[in-house]
Each structure stands twice: as C-alpha cells, then as structure tokens.
C-alpha cells in the first residue's frame, strides 16, 4: 500500500488492513457485547480525564485534555444512539 502523508494503516489480528485517510470516516462492526464494553470503557476514561483536567494547571495541556474529553463525549453519544437503536 502506498503511503501518503495523510494515510495510516492499522493491521488487526486477522491481518486485514484498514486504511484511514485524513478527513474520512471509519466504520467498524461491533457485537452488542463489544459495544457495551467500549461504552463502559469510554465512560470510565471520561471520568478519569475530568479529574485530570481539574488537577492540571498548565493551560496548554488542559486545552488538549479538554479537546480529548469533547471527542470522547461525541463518540460516546454516537455509541449510545447506536446501542439504543439496536434495542428496537
């Protein structure tokens, strides 16, 4: 696979390659159990990150943590919707 400066490849256990290009969306299939585990893990990470944000005095570092927090919250929201839709 030719690599561009904005292209990353991830190789999983099955040795399939997922190509990510800057600005593109990625789809991943998860079982309900895997999605619930991911949701729970994200919720815990967000709690831990919020504690770290509150303890941090360095403004630049804090802004980075806050950006990560917002990104994880967005992912968690989409995951929650997908799990809810799966119940119907």
Protein backbone atom coordinates (compact mmCIF):
# COMPACT_ATOMS: atom_id res chain seq x y z
CA UNK A 1 0.00 0.00 0.00
CA UNK A 2 1.40 3.39 -0.95
CA UNK A 3 1.51 5.73 1.99
CA UNK A 4 0.62 9.37 1.65
CA UNK A 5 1.37 11.86 4.42
CA UNK A 6 -2.30 11.72 5.43
CA UNK A 7 -2.87 7.98 5.29
CA UNK A 8 -2.46 5.48 8.11
CA UNK A 9 -2.84 1.72 8.07
CA UNK A 10 -3.88 -0.39 11.01
CA UNK A 11 -3.26 -4.11 10.91
CA UNK A 12 -5.55 -6.23 13.06
CA UNK A 13 -5.25 -9.78 14.26
CA UNK A 14 -6.90 -11.01 11.09
CA UNK A 15 -4.19 -9.18 9.12
CA UNK A 16 -6.81 -7.19 7.26
CA UNK A 17 -5.73 -3.64 6.67
CA UNK A 18 -7.93 -0.67 7.44
CA UNK A 19 -6.85 2.41 5.58
CA UNK A 20 -7.64 5.73 7.17
CA UNK A 21 -7.31 8.94 5.22
CA UNK A 22 -7.43 12.35 6.78
CA UNK A 23 -10.99 13.65 6.88
CA UNK A 24 -12.55 10.29 6.06
CA UNK A 25 -14.98 8.37 8.23
CA UNK A 26 -14.33 4.89 9.51
CA UNK A 27 -16.91 2.22 10.13
CA UNK A 28 -16.36 -0.64 12.50
CA UNK A 29 -18.64 -3.56 13.27
CA UNK A 30 -19.01 -4.49 16.93
CA UNK A 31 -21.10 -7.09 18.66
CA UNK A 32 -23.52 -5.74 21.26
CA UNK A 33 -21.19 -7.02 24.00
CA UNK A 34 -18.19 -5.26 22.43
CA UNK A 35 -20.18 -2.02 22.02
CA UNK A 36 -21.25 -2.12 25.67
CA UNK A 37 -17.65 -2.74 26.75
CA UNK A 38 -16.49 0.20 24.62
CA UNK A 39 -19.23 2.39 26.12
CA UNK A 40 -18.26 1.44 29.67
CA UNK A 41 -14.57 1.99 28.95
CA UNK A 42 -15.23 5.41 27.43
CA UNK A 43 -17.39 6.42 30.40
CA UNK A 44 -14.59 5.50 32.82
CA UNK A 45 -11.95 7.24 30.71
CA UNK A 46 -14.07 10.40 30.61
CA UNK A 47 -14.41 10.36 34.42
CA UNK A 48 -10.66 9.89 34.81
CA UNK A 49 -9.94 12.61 32.26
CA UNK A 50 -12.27 15.05 34.02
CA UNK A 51 -10.30 14.51 37.24
CA UNK A 52 -7.03 15.12 35.40
CA UNK A 53 -8.42 18.29 33.82
CA UNK A 54 -9.40 19.62 37.25
CA UNK A 55 -5.92 18.90 38.68
CA UNK A 56 -3.98 20.42 35.79
CA UNK A 57 -2.61 23.96 35.98
CA UNK A 58 -0.84 24.05 32.62
CA UNK A 59 -3.29 25.81 30.30
CA UNK A 60 -2.00 24.31 27.06
CA UNK A 61 -2.06 20.78 28.47
CA UNK A 62 -5.54 21.42 29.91
CA UNK A 63 -6.84 22.57 26.49
CA UNK A 64 -5.55 19.35 24.94
CA UNK A 65 -7.23 17.27 27.63
CA UNK A 66 -10.48 19.19 27.15
CA UNK A 67 -10.35 18.57 23.39
CA UNK A 68 -9.88 14.84 24.05
CA UNK A 69 -12.77 14.93 26.53
CA UNK A 70 -15.09 16.52 23.95
CA UNK A 71 -14.05 14.00 21.31
CA UNK A 72 -14.71 11.06 23.65
CA UNK A 73 -18.08 12.55 24.62
CA UNK A 74 -19.05 12.77 20.92
CA UNK A 75 -18.02 9.16 20.33
CA UNK A 76 -19.88 8.05 23.45
CA UNK A 77 -23.01 9.87 22.26
CA UNK A 78 -22.95 8.16 18.87
CA UNK A 79 -22.31 4.81 20.53
CA UNK A 80 -25.23 5.32 22.92
CA UNK A 81 -27.56 6.11 20.00
CA UNK A 82 -26.38 3.01 18.12
CA UNK A 83 -26.94 0.82 21.19
CA UNK A 84 -30.40 2.33 21.74
CA UNK A 85 -31.33 1.84 18.08
CA UNK A 86 -30.22 -1.78 18.37
CA UNK A 87 -32.87 -2.40 21.03
CA UNK A 88 -35.71 -1.64 18.61
